């Protein structure tokens, strides 16, 4: 549970209203408290919505990064395979040239 929601719950649970001489609560006090709770709830809801929007953006960025990493890993493997072929072919060419040079002498 978020800190804002926990604080709001504590605020509601611990609120004490002034009693009037008629054994009821002071309506202005109750109305003021209700306004505070409504404002706090609206701020909490807005914060939650902003957080959800940010999470969506971050998930999209994360997915893009995963895709980029996958592409880079595939390209790296391809380059590694190409290097293996070039090394293998290059060694063969050099060996053949050395062998041919020895035979010519």
C-alpha atoms as a PDB file:
ATOM      1  CA  UNK A   1       0.000   0.000   0.000  1.00  0.00           C
ATOM      2  CA  UNK A   2       1.374   3.418  -0.856  1.00  0.00           C
ATOM      3  CA  UNK A   3       2.487   5.864   1.799  1.00  0.00           C
ATOM      4  CA  UNK A   4      -0.156   8.399   0.711  1.00  0.00           C
ATOM      5  CA  UNK A   5      -2.982   5.892   1.084  1.00  0.00           C
ATOM      6  CA  UNK A   6      -1.665   4.701   4.460  1.00  0.00           C
ATOM      7  CA  UNK A   7      -1.502   8.290   5.698  1.00  0.00           C
ATOM      8  CA  UNK A   8      -5.023   8.930   4.454  1.00  0.00           C
ATOM      9  CA  UNK A   9      -6.370   5.849   6.208  1.00  0.00           C
ATOM     10  CA  UNK A  10      -4.657   6.909   9.438  1.00  0.00           C
ATOM     11  CA  UNK A  11      -6.088  10.395   9.070  1.00  0.00           C
ATOM     12  CA  UNK A  12      -9.613   9.022   8.680  1.00  0.00           C
ATOM     13  CA  UNK A  13      -9.255   6.516  11.510  1.00  0.00           C
ATOM     14  CA  UNK A  14      -7.820   9.040  13.967  1.00  0.00           C
ATOM     15  CA  UNK A  15     -10.063  12.024  13.194  1.00  0.00           C
ATOM     16  CA  UNK A  16     -11.905  13.391  16.207  1.00  0.00           C
ATOM     17  CA  UNK A  17     -14.820  15.792  15.766  1.00  0.00           C
ATOM     18  CA  UNK A  18     -15.883  18.434  18.254  1.00  0.00           C
ATOM     19  CA  UNK A  19     -19.202  17.768  19.870  1.00  0.00           C
ATOM     20  CA  UNK A  20     -21.797  20.487  20.133  1.00  0.00           C
ATOM     21  CA  UNK A  21     -24.048  21.211  23.050  1.00  0.00           C
ATOM     22  CA  UNK A  22     -26.816  19.291  21.267  1.00  0.00           C
ATOM     23  CA  UNK A  23     -24.830  16.008  21.483  1.00  0.00           C
ATOM     24  CA  UNK A  24     -24.043  16.059  17.785  1.00  0.00           C
ATOM     25  CA  UNK A  25     -20.987  16.961  15.769  1.00  0.00           C
ATOM     26  CA  UNK A  26     -20.131  20.438  14.581  1.00  0.00           C
ATOM     27  CA  UNK A  27     -21.240  20.357  10.946  1.00  0.00           C
ATOM     28  CA  UNK A  28     -18.572  22.831   9.838  1.00  0.00           C
ATOM     29  CA  UNK A  29     -15.908  20.606  11.383  1.00  0.00           C
ATOM     30  CA  UNK A  30     -17.327  17.519   9.655  1.00  0.00           C
ATOM     31  CA  UNK A  31     -17.687  19.352   6.330  1.00  0.00           C
ATOM     32  CA  UNK A  32     -14.116  20.638   6.586  1.00  0.00           C
ATOM     33  CA  UNK A  33     -12.817  17.143   7.316  1.00  0.00           C
ATOM     34  CA  UNK A  34     -14.816  15.675   4.425  1.00  0.00           C
ATOM     35  CA  UNK A  35     -13.363  18.312   2.094  1.00  0.00           C
ATOM     36  CA  UNK A  36      -9.846  17.392   3.244  1.00  0.00           C
ATOM     37  CA  UNK A  37     -10.508  13.676   2.677  1.00  0.00           C
ATOM     38  CA  UNK A  38     -11.954  14.333  -0.773  1.00  0.00           C
ATOM     39  CA  UNK A  39      -8.973  16.501  -1.737  1.00  0.00           C
ATOM     40  CA  UNK A  40      -6.524  13.898  -0.427  1.00  0.00           C
ATOM     41  CA  UNK A  41      -8.327  11.139  -2.303  1.00  0.00           C
ATOM     42  CA  UNK A  42      -8.311  13.171  -5.510  1.00  0.00           C
ATOM     43  CA  UNK A  43      -4.562  13.809  -5.153  1.00  0.00           C
ATOM     44  CA  UNK A  44      -3.983  10.115  -4.462  1.00  0.00           C
ATOM     45  CA  UNK A  45      -6.037   9.093  -7.480  1.00  0.00           C
ATOM     46  CA  UNK A  46      -4.175  11.591  -9.677  1.00  0.00           C
ATOM     47  CA  UNK A  47      -0.828  10.341  -8.379  1.00  0.00           C
ATOM     48  CA  UNK A  48      -1.886   6.763  -9.070  1.00  0.00           C
ATOM     49  CA  UNK A  49      -2.971   7.650 -12.610  1.00  0.00           C
ATOM     50  CA  UNK A  50       0.316   9.462 -13.257  1.00  0.00           C
ATOM     51  CA  UNK A  51       2.223   6.479 -11.914  1.00  0.00           C
ATOM     52  CA  UNK A  52       0.266   4.111 -14.153  1.00  0.00           C
ATOM     53  CA  UNK A  53       0.992   6.289 -17.212  1.00  0.00           C
ATOM     54  CA  UNK A  54       4.677   6.382 -16.314  1.00  0.00           C
ATOM     55  CA  UNK A  55       4.685   2.596 -15.871  1.00  0.00           C
ATOM     56  CA  UNK A  56       3.193   2.159 -19.342  1.00  0.00           C
ATOM     57  CA  UNK A  57       5.922   4.382 -20.817  1.00  0.00           C
ATOM     58  CA  UNK A  58       8.633   2.512 -18.924  1.00  0.00           C
ATOM     59  CA  UNK A  59       7.268  -0.853 -20.067  1.00  0.00           C
ATOM     60  CA  UNK A  60       7.353   0.385 -23.677  1.00  0.00           C
ATOM     61  CA  UNK A  61      10.948   1.565 -23.272  1.00  0.00           C
ATOM     62  CA  UNK A  62      11.846  -1.751 -21.643  1.00  0.00           C
ATOM     63  CA  UNK A  63      10.290  -3.677 -24.537  1.00  0.00           C
ATOM     64  CA  UNK A  64      12.173  -1.509 -27.046  1.00  0.00           C
ATOM     65  CA  UNK A  65      15.424  -2.102 -25.158  1.00  0.00           C
ATOM     66  CA  UNK A  66      14.808  -5.855 -25.094  1.00  0.00           C
ATOM     67  CA  UNK A  67      14.206  -5.806 -28.833  1.00  0.00           C
ATOM     68  CA  UNK A  68      17.377  -3.790 -29.415  1.00  0.00           C
ATOM     69  CA  UNK A  69      19.408  -6.164 -27.232  1.00  0.00           C
ATOM     70  CA  UNK A  70      18.016  -9.167 -29.102  1.00  0.00           C
ATOM     71  CA  UNK A  71      18.876  -7.572 -32.442  1.00  0.00           C
ATOM     72  CA  UNK A  72      22.385  -6.680 -31.266  1.00  0.00           C
ATOM     73  CA  UNK A  73      22.984 -10.192 -29.896  1.00  0.00           C
ATOM     74  CA  UNK A  74      21.840 -11.735 -33.181  1.00  0.00           C
ATOM     75  CA  UNK A  75      24.127  -9.396 -35.138  1.00  0.00           C
ATOM     76  CA  UNK A  76      27.031 -10.172 -32.810  1.00  0.00           C
ATOM     77  CA  UNK A  77      26.557 -13.916 -33.328  1.00  0.00           C
ATOM     78  CA  UNK A  78      26.439 -13.351 -37.065  1.00  0.00           C
ATOM     79  CA  UNK A  79      29.671 -11.341 -36.979  1.00  0.00           C
ATOM     80  CA  UNK A  80      31.332 -13.981 -34.801  1.00  0.00           C
ATOM     81  CA  UNK A  81      30.348 -16.658 -37.325  1.00  0.00           C
ATOM     82  CA  UNK A  82      31.632 -14.523 -40.199  1.00  0.00           C
ATOM     83  CA  UNK A  83      34.944 -14.050 -38.368  1.00  0.00           C
ATOM     84  CA  UNK A  84      35.258 -17.793 -37.854  1.00  0.00           C
ATOM     85  CA  UNK A  85      34.757 -18.322 -41.591  1.00  0.00           C
ATOM     86  CA  UNK A  86      37.209 -15.567 -42.502  1.00  0.00           C
ATOM     87  CA  UNK A  87      39.799 -16.896 -40.078  1.00  0.00           C
ATOM     88  CA  UNK A  88      39.372 -20.401 -41.366  1.00  0.00           C
ATOM     89  CA  UNK A  89      39.531 -19.346 -45.013  1.00  0.00           C
ATOM     90  CA  UNK A  90      42.345 -16.896 -44.337  1.00  0.00           C
ATOM     91  CA  UNK A  91      44.489 -19.526 -42.669  1.00  0.00           C
ATOM     92  CA  UNK A  92      43.837 -21.896 -45.527  1.00  0.00           C
ATOM     93  CA  UNK A  93      44.842 -19.286 -48.126  1.00  0.00           C
ATOM     94  CA  UNK A  94      48.033 -18.430 -46.235  1.00  0.00           C
ATOM     95  CA  UNK A  95      48.888 -22.132 -45.786  1.00  0.00           C
ATOM     96  CA  UNK A  96      48.312 -22.777 -49.476  1.00  0.00           C
ATOM     97  CA  UNK A  97      50.476 -19.815 -50.465  1.00  0.00           C
ATOM     98  CA  UNK A  98      53.271 -20.965 -48.144  1.00  0.00           C
ATOM     99  CA  UNK A  99      52.976 -24.472 -49.480  1.00  0.00           C
ATOM    100  CA  UNK A 100      53.045 -23.227 -53.088  1.00  0.00           C
ATOM    101  CA  UNK A 101      56.067 -21.024 -52.350  1.00  0.00           C
ATOM    102  CA  UNK A 102      57.939 -23.995 -50.892  1.00  0.00           C
ATOM    103  CA  UNK A 103      57.158 -26.137 -53.922  1.00  0.00           C
ATOM    104  CA  UNK A 104      58.388 -23.429 -56.305  1.00  0.00           C
ATOM    105  CA  UNK A 105      61.770 -23.296 -54.591  1.00  0.00           C
END
